[in-house]
Amino acid sequence: MVSTDTLGIGDLASRTGVPIRTIRFYCDEGLLEPARSTGGHRRFDAATVDRLNLIRRLRGLGLGLRSIADILAGQRSLAEAVAAERAALDREVTTLAWRRSVLRAVEEAPLADRTTRLQLLSAVQDGFSAHETLVRLWRPMTTGPIPPDTARMFLDIGAPRPPELPTPEQVVAYAELVLLASDRALATRLRASTLVDHDRIADLGALHAAVGAACELAAPRVAAGARATPGPALDRFVAAHAAALNARDTPEFRRALNRRTAADRHPRLRRYWHLAGEVTGEPAPVGVTHTWLLDALDHSVS
C-alpha cells in the first residue's frame, strides 16, 4: 500500500522545478524509482525531492546519465565522476585545438604546397592517435633489462606529447614525426643501434644518467649553434659508455663506439630529432644534443 505522505508527479515537479516529462524520463532510465498507486499513478516519497535536486545539479555540470546512476548507486564518488568528466572535456578541447591548427596550417600554406600539406595532415586523425604512433616506435626500447625511470625517459624524449594548444607549425612538424615513425626502416635502425650491447651493461640507469649529464654539458653549445667538436662534453659521454662496459677511453674504444652508434647519425633520425625539437620548443632537445655528441665523436676518430 502506498503511503499517504507520498507526492504525485505534479507535486514533485513543483517542488523541484523539473518538468514532468523529464521526471518521467528519469523514471524510465532508472534514476528514480516511484511506487504506484492503486490507480497506477507514480508516487514519490519525500526523499525523492533531494534525489531529484541532486540529479538536476549533476546534469547542470554536464554529467551523463551513466555517471549519475553510478553516483546514486554508490558505485562512484562525486569527486571521481567530476574528475572523469573534466578529463573527457580536456581531451575534447585538445582535439578541437589540434583540428583548428590543422585547418590553419592548410589555409596558411603557399598555394603550391597546399596539396602536399593536406596529404600530410589528413593522415593524422588527432594528436592523441599521433602520439600513440610515436610511442609504438619507442616502446621496444622500454622492454628487457631497462629500469622504469629509463623507460619513461625514452618515451618522454622519443615520443613527445603534442602541445595542448599547438601552432600550425607544430602540427605540421608532429605530422611529419608520425610519418617518420611509421617507417619500418627507421624502427629497425633504432633497434640495431641504440639497444646494442644493452645485455652487457649491468647498470643501464647509471649509463643513461651519465649520458644525460654529458648532454646537459653540451646543451649550451648546441643551443648556440656551435659546430660539433671534441671537448669536455664528449669526454664525459665516452667515459659514461666506457664505465658501463668496464673499458677504458682509448682511441680504439672510441672507434668501436663510433661504429656502434653510426646508425644514430642517419639523416632520417636527425630529421626526427629536429622535428621533435620544433614540437617541444626546446633550444637544445636531448635527441639533437645526443646526435651532436655523436658527431663530435665521429670527428674525434676521423
Protein backbone atom coordinates (compact mmCIF):
# COMPACT_ATOMS: atom_id res chain seq x y z
CA MET A 1 0.00 0.00 0.00
CA VAL A 2 1.34 3.44 -0.95
CA SER A 3 1.89 5.87 1.96
CA THR A 4 -0.33 8.94 2.15
CA ASP A 5 2.83 11.04 2.60
CA THR A 6 3.93 10.45 -0.97
CA LEU A 7 3.97 13.03 -3.74
CA GLY A 8 2.40 12.90 -7.14
CA ILE A 9 4.49 13.67 -10.18
CA GLY A 10 2.97 17.15 -10.45
CA ASP A 11 3.82 17.97 -6.83
CA LEU A 12 7.37 16.68 -7.34
CA ALA A 13 7.74 18.88 -10.42
CA SER A 14 6.50 21.92 -8.48
CA ARG A 15 8.91 21.36 -5.57
CA THR A 16 11.98 20.81 -7.73
CA GLY A 17 11.34 22.86 -10.85
CA VAL A 18 11.97 19.78 -13.01
CA PRO A 19 9.41 19.35 -15.83
CA ILE A 20 7.06 16.39 -15.59
CA ARG A 21 8.26 14.92 -18.87
CA THR A 22 11.86 14.99 -17.54
CA ILE A 23 10.79 13.24 -14.33
CA ARG A 24 9.13 10.54 -16.42
CA PHE A 25 12.33 10.18 -18.43
CA TYR A 26 14.41 9.76 -15.25
CA CYS A 27 11.96 7.11 -14.07
CA ASP A 28 12.24 5.25 -17.36
CA GLU A 29 16.06 5.41 -17.10
CA GLY A 30 16.01 4.01 -13.56
CA LEU A 31 17.32 7.13 -11.82
CA LEU A 32 14.06 7.48 -9.90
CA GLU A 33 12.09 4.53 -8.54
CA PRO A 34 8.50 5.57 -7.78
CA ALA A 35 5.82 3.44 -6.22
CA ARG A 36 2.46 3.00 -7.92
CA SER A 37 -0.91 3.93 -6.55
CA THR A 38 -3.89 1.60 -6.87
CA GLY A 39 -4.81 3.58 -9.96
CA GLY A 40 -1.35 3.01 -11.48
CA HIS A 41 -0.09 6.55 -10.96
CA ARG A 42 3.52 7.25 -9.95
CA ARG A 43 4.00 8.23 -6.32
CA PHE A 44 7.26 9.51 -4.82
CA ASP A 45 8.46 9.59 -1.22
CA ALA A 46 9.82 12.78 0.35
CA ALA A 47 13.45 11.68 -0.14
CA THR A 48 12.91 11.82 -3.90
CA VAL A 49 12.92 15.62 -3.72
CA ASP A 50 16.58 15.64 -2.58
CA ARG A 51 17.45 12.87 -5.04
CA LEU A 52 15.90 14.73 -7.96
CA ASN A 53 17.59 18.00 -6.96
CA LEU A 54 20.92 16.17 -6.93
CA ILE A 55 20.23 14.73 -10.38
CA ARG A 56 19.33 18.20 -11.67
CA ARG A 57 22.58 19.68 -10.32
CA LEU A 58 24.70 16.88 -11.72
CA ARG A 59 23.06 17.30 -15.11
CA GLY A 60 23.82 21.00 -14.82
CA LEU A 61 27.52 20.08 -14.54
CA GLY A 62 27.18 18.14 -17.78
CA LEU A 63 27.44 14.66 -16.28
CA GLY A 64 25.88 11.86 -18.30
CA LEU A 65 23.13 9.58 -17.07
CA ARG A 66 25.51 6.64 -16.61
CA SER A 67 27.78 8.65 -14.33
CA ILE A 68 24.81 9.96 -12.36
CA ALA A 69 23.42 6.45 -11.94
CA ASP A 70 26.80 5.28 -10.60
CA ILE A 71 26.87 8.15 -8.08
CA LEU A 72 23.33 7.46 -6.90
CA ALA A 73 24.12 3.75 -6.54
CA GLY A 74 27.28 4.50 -4.55
CA GLN A 75 29.49 2.87 -7.18
CA ARG A 76 31.36 6.09 -7.85
CA SER A 77 32.06 9.16 -5.74
CA LEU A 78 31.11 12.64 -6.86
CA ALA A 79 34.79 13.61 -7.00
CA GLU A 80 35.61 10.64 -9.23
CA ALA A 81 32.75 11.39 -11.60
CA VAL A 82 33.66 15.07 -11.84
CA ALA A 83 37.34 14.23 -12.45
CA ALA A 84 36.40 11.82 -15.24
CA GLU A 85 34.14 14.41 -16.86
CA ARG A 86 36.86 17.05 -16.66
CA ALA A 87 39.39 14.67 -18.24
CA ALA A 88 36.96 13.96 -21.08
CA LEU A 89 36.47 17.69 -21.65
CA ASP A 90 40.24 18.28 -21.57
CA ARG A 91 40.64 15.68 -24.30
CA GLU A 92 37.85 17.22 -26.35
CA VAL A 93 39.32 20.72 -26.04
CA THR A 94 42.77 19.42 -27.00
CA THR A 95 41.32 17.61 -30.01
CA LEU A 96 39.50 20.75 -31.14
CA ALA A 97 42.67 22.83 -30.71
CA TRP A 98 44.56 20.30 -32.86
CA ARG A 99 41.88 20.42 -35.59
CA ARG A 100 41.86 24.20 -35.56
CA SER A 101 45.63 24.36 -36.04
CA VAL A 102 45.47 21.74 -38.80
CA LEU A 103 42.94 23.84 -40.68
CA ARG A 104 45.08 26.94 -40.21
CA ALA A 105 48.16 25.04 -41.40
CA VAL A 106 46.39 24.11 -44.63
CA GLU A 107 44.92 27.57 -45.02
CA GLU A 108 48.28 29.33 -44.50
CA ALA A 109 50.31 27.01 -46.74
CA PRO A 110 51.60 28.51 -50.01
CA LEU A 111 49.30 27.57 -52.85
CA ALA A 112 51.95 25.39 -54.47
CA ASP A 113 52.41 23.40 -51.22
CA ARG A 114 48.79 23.17 -50.14
CA THR A 115 48.04 19.78 -51.70
CA THR A 116 51.16 18.21 -50.19
CA ARG A 117 50.41 19.66 -46.78
CA LEU A 118 46.81 18.48 -46.95
CA GLN A 119 48.00 14.97 -47.73
CA LEU A 120 50.43 15.03 -44.80
CA LEU A 121 47.97 16.38 -42.24
CA SER A 122 44.98 14.30 -43.31
CA ALA A 123 46.93 11.14 -42.43
CA VAL A 124 46.92 12.15 -38.74
CA GLN A 125 43.48 11.99 -37.12
CA ASP A 126 44.36 13.87 -33.93
CA GLY A 127 47.19 14.49 -31.51
CA PHE A 128 46.31 11.50 -29.31
CA SER A 129 46.46 8.92 -32.09
CA ALA A 130 49.58 10.63 -33.43
CA HIS A 131 51.27 10.29 -30.05
CA GLU A 132 50.42 6.58 -29.92
CA THR A 133 52.26 6.11 -33.23
CA LEU A 134 55.40 7.64 -31.71
CA VAL A 135 55.03 5.51 -28.58
CA ARG A 136 54.85 2.35 -30.68
CA LEU A 137 58.16 3.28 -32.30
CA TRP A 138 59.96 3.72 -28.98
CA ARG A 139 58.19 1.13 -26.84
CA PRO A 140 60.56 -1.73 -27.86
CA MET A 141 63.32 0.29 -26.20
CA THR A 142 61.44 0.12 -22.87
CA THR A 143 61.40 -3.68 -22.66
CA GLY A 144 64.02 -6.02 -21.28
CA PRO A 145 66.52 -5.08 -18.55
CA ILE A 146 65.74 -1.37 -18.63
CA PRO A 147 64.91 0.46 -15.38
CA PRO A 148 61.42 2.04 -15.27
CA ASP A 149 62.85 5.55 -14.98
CA THR A 150 64.96 4.98 -18.09
CA ALA A 151 61.96 3.57 -19.95
CA ARG A 152 59.91 6.66 -19.11
CA MET A 153 62.81 8.85 -20.20
CA PHE A 154 62.94 7.11 -23.58
CA LEU A 155 59.23 7.66 -24.12
CA ASP A 156 59.25 11.28 -22.91
CA ILE A 157 62.13 12.18 -25.23
CA GLY A 158 61.35 9.97 -28.21
CA ALA A 159 57.58 10.37 -28.15
CA PRO A 160 56.85 13.95 -27.02
CA ARG A 161 53.21 14.69 -26.41
CA PRO A 162 51.59 17.20 -28.75
CA PRO A 163 51.14 20.66 -27.24
CA GLU A 164 47.69 21.35 -25.80
CA LEU A 165 47.41 24.46 -27.97
CA PRO A 166 49.63 23.69 -30.94
CA THR A 167 50.61 26.21 -33.57
CA PRO A 168 50.15 25.36 -37.25
CA GLU A 169 53.91 24.83 -37.47
CA GLN A 170 53.81 22.35 -34.59
CA VAL A 171 51.02 20.23 -36.09
CA VAL A 172 52.94 20.08 -39.37
CA ALA A 173 56.10 19.01 -37.50
CA TYR A 174 54.15 16.43 -35.50
CA ALA A 175 52.54 15.01 -38.62
CA GLU A 176 55.97 14.59 -40.20
CA LEU A 177 57.17 12.90 -37.00
CA VAL A 178 54.33 10.40 -37.37
CA LEU A 179 55.31 9.81 -40.98
CA LEU A 180 58.90 9.06 -39.95
CA ALA A 181 57.79 6.89 -37.02
CA SER A 182 55.72 4.78 -39.40
CA ASP A 183 58.84 3.94 -41.43
CA ARG A 184 59.82 0.34 -40.62
CA ALA A 185 63.38 1.00 -41.71
CA LEU A 186 63.72 3.65 -39.00
CA ALA A 187 62.40 1.24 -36.35
CA THR A 188 64.90 -1.41 -37.47
CA ARG A 189 67.70 1.14 -37.39
CA LEU A 190 66.84 2.12 -33.82
CA ARG A 191 66.82 -1.45 -32.57
CA ALA A 192 70.08 -2.21 -34.31
CA SER A 193 71.93 0.75 -32.86
CA THR A 194 70.60 2.21 -29.64
CA LEU A 195 69.86 -1.13 -28.00
CA VAL A 196 73.13 -2.79 -28.97
CA ASP A 197 75.21 -4.15 -26.06
CA HIS A 198 72.47 -3.48 -23.50
CA ASP A 199 72.70 -7.08 -22.35
CA ARG A 200 76.35 -6.42 -21.44
CA ILE A 201 75.57 -3.40 -19.28
CA ALA A 202 74.94 -4.10 -15.60
CA ASP A 203 73.51 -0.69 -14.67
CA LEU A 204 71.60 0.92 -17.52
CA GLY A 205 70.24 3.56 -15.18
CA ALA A 206 73.73 4.76 -14.34
CA LEU A 207 74.72 4.79 -18.02
CA HIS A 208 71.77 6.91 -19.11
CA ALA A 209 72.19 9.26 -16.16
CA ALA A 210 75.82 9.80 -17.16
CA VAL A 211 74.91 10.28 -20.82
CA GLY A 212 72.25 12.76 -19.70
CA ALA A 213 74.90 14.70 -17.79
CA ALA A 214 77.04 14.82 -20.93
CA CYS A 215 74.08 16.12 -22.90
CA GLU A 216 73.47 18.84 -20.30
CA LEU A 217 77.12 19.86 -20.60
CA ALA A 218 76.83 20.08 -24.38
CA ALA A 219 73.40 21.77 -24.43
CA PRO A 220 74.62 25.41 -24.30
CA ARG A 221 76.85 24.85 -27.35
CA VAL A 222 74.04 23.09 -29.20
CA ALA A 223 71.63 25.93 -28.41
CA ALA A 224 74.21 28.42 -29.67
CA GLY A 225 74.54 26.51 -32.96
CA ALA A 226 78.19 25.63 -32.36
CA ARG A 227 79.86 23.03 -34.56
CA ALA A 228 80.21 19.56 -33.02
CA THR A 229 83.79 19.25 -31.81
CA PRO A 230 85.61 17.15 -29.20
CA GLY A 231 85.77 18.60 -25.72
CA PRO A 232 84.66 18.05 -22.10
CA ALA A 233 81.11 17.06 -23.05
CA LEU A 234 82.33 14.38 -25.45
CA ASP A 235 84.87 13.14 -22.92
CA ARG A 236 82.09 12.69 -20.36
CA PHE A 237 79.92 10.96 -22.97
CA VAL A 238 82.63 8.47 -23.90
CA ALA A 239 83.58 7.93 -20.24
CA ALA A 240 79.96 7.01 -19.49
CA HIS A 241 79.98 4.27 -22.13
CA ALA A 242 83.45 3.06 -21.13
CA ALA A 243 82.44 2.76 -17.48
CA ALA A 244 79.26 0.90 -18.40
CA LEU A 245 81.30 -1.66 -20.38
CA ASN A 246 84.20 -1.85 -17.91
CA ALA A 247 86.52 -0.46 -20.57
CA ARG A 248 88.93 2.44 -20.90
CA ASP A 249 88.57 5.53 -23.04
CA THR A 250 91.10 4.72 -25.74
CA PRO A 251 91.24 5.58 -29.45
CA GLU A 252 90.21 2.02 -30.26
CA PHE A 253 87.25 2.20 -27.85
CA ARG A 254 86.13 5.46 -29.43
CA ARG A 255 86.32 3.93 -32.90
CA ALA A 256 84.26 0.94 -31.74
CA LEU A 257 81.69 3.20 -30.06
CA ASN A 258 81.53 5.32 -33.19
CA ARG A 259 80.80 2.24 -35.31
CA ARG A 260 78.07 1.02 -32.95
CA THR A 261 76.31 4.38 -32.91
CA ALA A 262 76.70 5.22 -36.62
CA ALA A 263 73.05 4.44 -37.30
CA ASP A 264 72.04 7.18 -34.83
CA ARG A 265 73.59 9.74 -37.18
CA HIS A 266 71.37 8.70 -40.10
CA PRO A 267 69.65 11.65 -41.85
CA ARG A 268 66.16 10.30 -41.07
CA LEU A 269 66.89 10.14 -37.37
CA ARG A 270 68.47 13.57 -37.47
CA ARG A 271 65.27 14.86 -39.06
CA TYR A 272 63.23 13.09 -36.38
CA TRP A 273 65.06 14.87 -33.56
CA HIS A 274 64.87 18.21 -35.35
CA LEU A 275 61.09 17.85 -35.68
CA ALA A 276 60.76 16.76 -32.05
CA GLY A 277 62.55 19.96 -31.09
CA GLU A 278 60.10 22.01 -33.16
CA VAL A 279 57.25 20.34 -31.29
CA THR A 280 58.67 20.88 -27.80
CA GLY A 281 60.21 24.27 -28.47
CA GLU A 282 63.38 23.37 -26.54
CA PRO A 283 66.52 25.28 -27.55
CA ALA A 284 68.63 22.11 -27.25
CA PRO A 285 66.44 18.98 -27.42
CA VAL A 286 68.04 15.88 -25.91
CA GLY A 287 67.86 13.98 -29.20
CA VAL A 288 69.57 16.80 -31.09
CA THR A 289 72.19 17.18 -28.36
CA HIS A 290 72.86 13.42 -28.33
CA THR A 291 73.39 13.50 -32.11
CA TRP A 292 75.72 16.48 -31.67
CA LEU A 293 77.83 14.38 -29.30
CA LEU A 294 77.88 11.52 -31.80
CA ASP A 295 79.07 13.93 -34.48
CA ALA A 296 81.78 15.15 -32.12
CA LEU A 297 82.76 11.51 -31.53
CA ASP A 298 82.91 10.89 -35.27
CA HIS A 299 85.15 13.93 -35.74
CA SER A 300 87.41 12.81 -32.90
CA VAL A 301 88.19 9.48 -34.58
CA SER A 302 88.45 10.88 -38.09
